[in-house]
Structures are given as C-alpha cells and as structure tokens.
Amino acid sequence: MLKIKKILGILLALCFVMSVTAATVGATPNEVNKDVKKFGDNDKKFGDDHKHFHPGHWEKHRVGHREFRNNHWTVVYVYKTVYVGPSWY
C-alpha cells in the first residue's frame, strides 16, 4: 500500500510539472505570425515578402574560358542558350 501511494505521489508531481510547462508555453507571445497581414487587405494580401511566379524561359549567358593562343593566354567568350526553369521569387 505504501508503494502505491509513493507512485501516485510521483505521478501527481509529474502531472503538475507538465501542466505548469504547458501553461508557460501557451502564455508566451507568438512571434511567428506577427507581421502577417489580414486577408481582407487585397493590395497587401501576402505581406511585403510576396513572391512572384516567373515561368520557364530561355536566356543567353555569356560564358568565358581561357585558351592558349598565339603564345599567350586569352579569354574567349561564348554565348550559350540556357533554359531557366519556372520558379517563385
């Protein structure tokens, strides 16, 4: 009978500590959603960090490489067509 009382006392103390921890965590302010705008505001619907969708497209990139020509090193530039995939930024 004494062991059961001891075990129940330990469980009661554990539940008290857990409830105090939960109350402390629940009372702290939520810093994550502090800057989120309301959805009724159409021009600032997603805040200032709204990302824009850029569809995939082809771009020309200037690529340079070194070559040994006429007894010295020179940089030769070539334009390559590169596909840039769609992204949000």
Protein backbone atom coordinates (compact mmCIF):
# COMPACT_ATOMS: atom_id res chain seq x y z
CA MET A 1 0.00 0.00 0.00
CA LEU A 2 2.88 2.36 0.72
CA LYS A 3 4.40 1.76 -2.73
CA ILE A 4 1.15 2.68 -4.46
CA LYS A 5 0.93 5.98 -2.54
CA LYS A 6 4.53 6.76 -3.45
CA ILE A 7 3.91 6.02 -7.14
CA LEU A 8 0.72 8.12 -7.14
CA GLY A 9 2.59 11.00 -5.47
CA ILE A 10 5.30 10.88 -8.14
CA LEU A 11 2.71 10.80 -10.93
CA LEU A 12 0.84 13.73 -9.36
CA ALA A 13 4.05 15.76 -9.15
CA LEU A 14 4.88 14.89 -12.78
CA CYS A 15 1.41 16.00 -13.94
CA PHE A 16 1.82 19.29 -12.04
CA VAL A 17 5.17 19.98 -13.70
CA MET A 18 3.75 19.17 -17.16
CA SER A 19 0.73 21.46 -16.63
CA VAL A 20 2.95 24.35 -15.49
CA THR A 21 5.16 23.83 -18.56
CA ALA A 22 2.14 23.80 -20.89
CA ALA A 23 0.75 26.97 -19.28
CA THR A 24 4.10 28.73 -19.67
CA VAL A 25 4.43 27.80 -23.33
CA GLY A 26 0.84 28.83 -24.03
CA ALA A 27 1.33 32.22 -22.38
CA THR A 28 4.32 33.28 -24.49
CA PRO A 29 3.52 35.61 -27.43
CA ASN A 30 3.54 34.12 -30.90
CA GLU A 31 6.37 35.87 -32.77
CA VAL A 32 5.99 33.82 -35.96
CA ASN A 33 2.80 35.41 -37.32
CA LYS A 34 3.47 38.94 -36.03
CA ASP A 35 3.86 40.55 -39.48
CA VAL A 36 1.13 38.68 -41.37
CA LYS A 37 -1.48 40.97 -42.91
CA LYS A 38 -5.19 40.25 -42.84
CA PHE A 39 -6.65 38.56 -45.90
CA GLY A 40 -9.23 41.33 -46.38
CA ASP A 41 -6.49 43.76 -47.43
CA ASN A 42 -6.17 42.99 -51.15
CA ASP A 43 -3.09 45.03 -52.06
CA LYS A 44 -1.04 43.67 -49.13
CA LYS A 45 -2.60 40.21 -49.05
CA PHE A 46 0.64 38.30 -48.54
CA GLY A 47 2.70 40.98 -46.78
CA ASP A 48 5.81 42.64 -48.17
CA ASP A 49 7.60 39.40 -48.96
CA HIS A 50 5.09 38.24 -51.60
CA LYS A 51 6.84 36.05 -54.13
CA HIS A 52 6.15 36.34 -57.85
CA PHE A 53 5.92 33.43 -60.27
CA HIS A 54 8.39 33.50 -63.15
CA PRO A 55 7.61 30.95 -65.89
CA GLY A 56 10.34 28.92 -67.54
CA HIS A 57 12.21 30.66 -70.36
CA TRP A 58 15.38 30.64 -72.44
CA GLU A 59 18.26 33.02 -71.69
CA LYS A 60 21.59 33.76 -73.33
CA HIS A 61 24.53 33.55 -70.91
CA ARG A 62 27.99 34.88 -71.66
CA VAL A 63 30.47 32.16 -70.69
CA GLY A 64 34.21 32.75 -70.77
CA HIS A 65 37.04 30.25 -70.80
CA ARG A 66 40.82 30.58 -71.11
CA GLU A 67 42.66 29.40 -74.20
CA PHE A 68 46.31 29.47 -75.15
CA ARG A 69 46.51 31.34 -78.47
CA ASN A 70 49.47 32.99 -80.18
CA ASN A 71 51.89 32.16 -77.34
CA HIS A 72 49.77 33.70 -74.60
CA TRP A 73 46.62 33.03 -72.66
CA THR A 74 43.43 34.81 -73.76
CA VAL A 75 39.86 34.68 -72.53
CA VAL A 76 37.35 33.61 -75.14
CA TYR A 77 33.69 34.41 -74.54
CA VAL A 78 30.90 32.30 -75.99
CA TYR A 79 27.16 32.96 -75.76
CA LYS A 80 25.22 29.85 -74.76
CA THR A 81 21.45 29.47 -74.70
CA VAL A 82 20.33 28.12 -71.33
CA TYR A 83 16.84 27.11 -70.18
CA VAL A 84 15.84 28.59 -66.82
CA GLY A 85 13.06 26.63 -65.16
CA PRO A 86 9.95 28.13 -63.56
CA SER A 87 10.35 29.46 -60.02
CA TRP A 88 8.82 31.64 -57.32
CA TYR A 89 10.84 34.68 -56.22
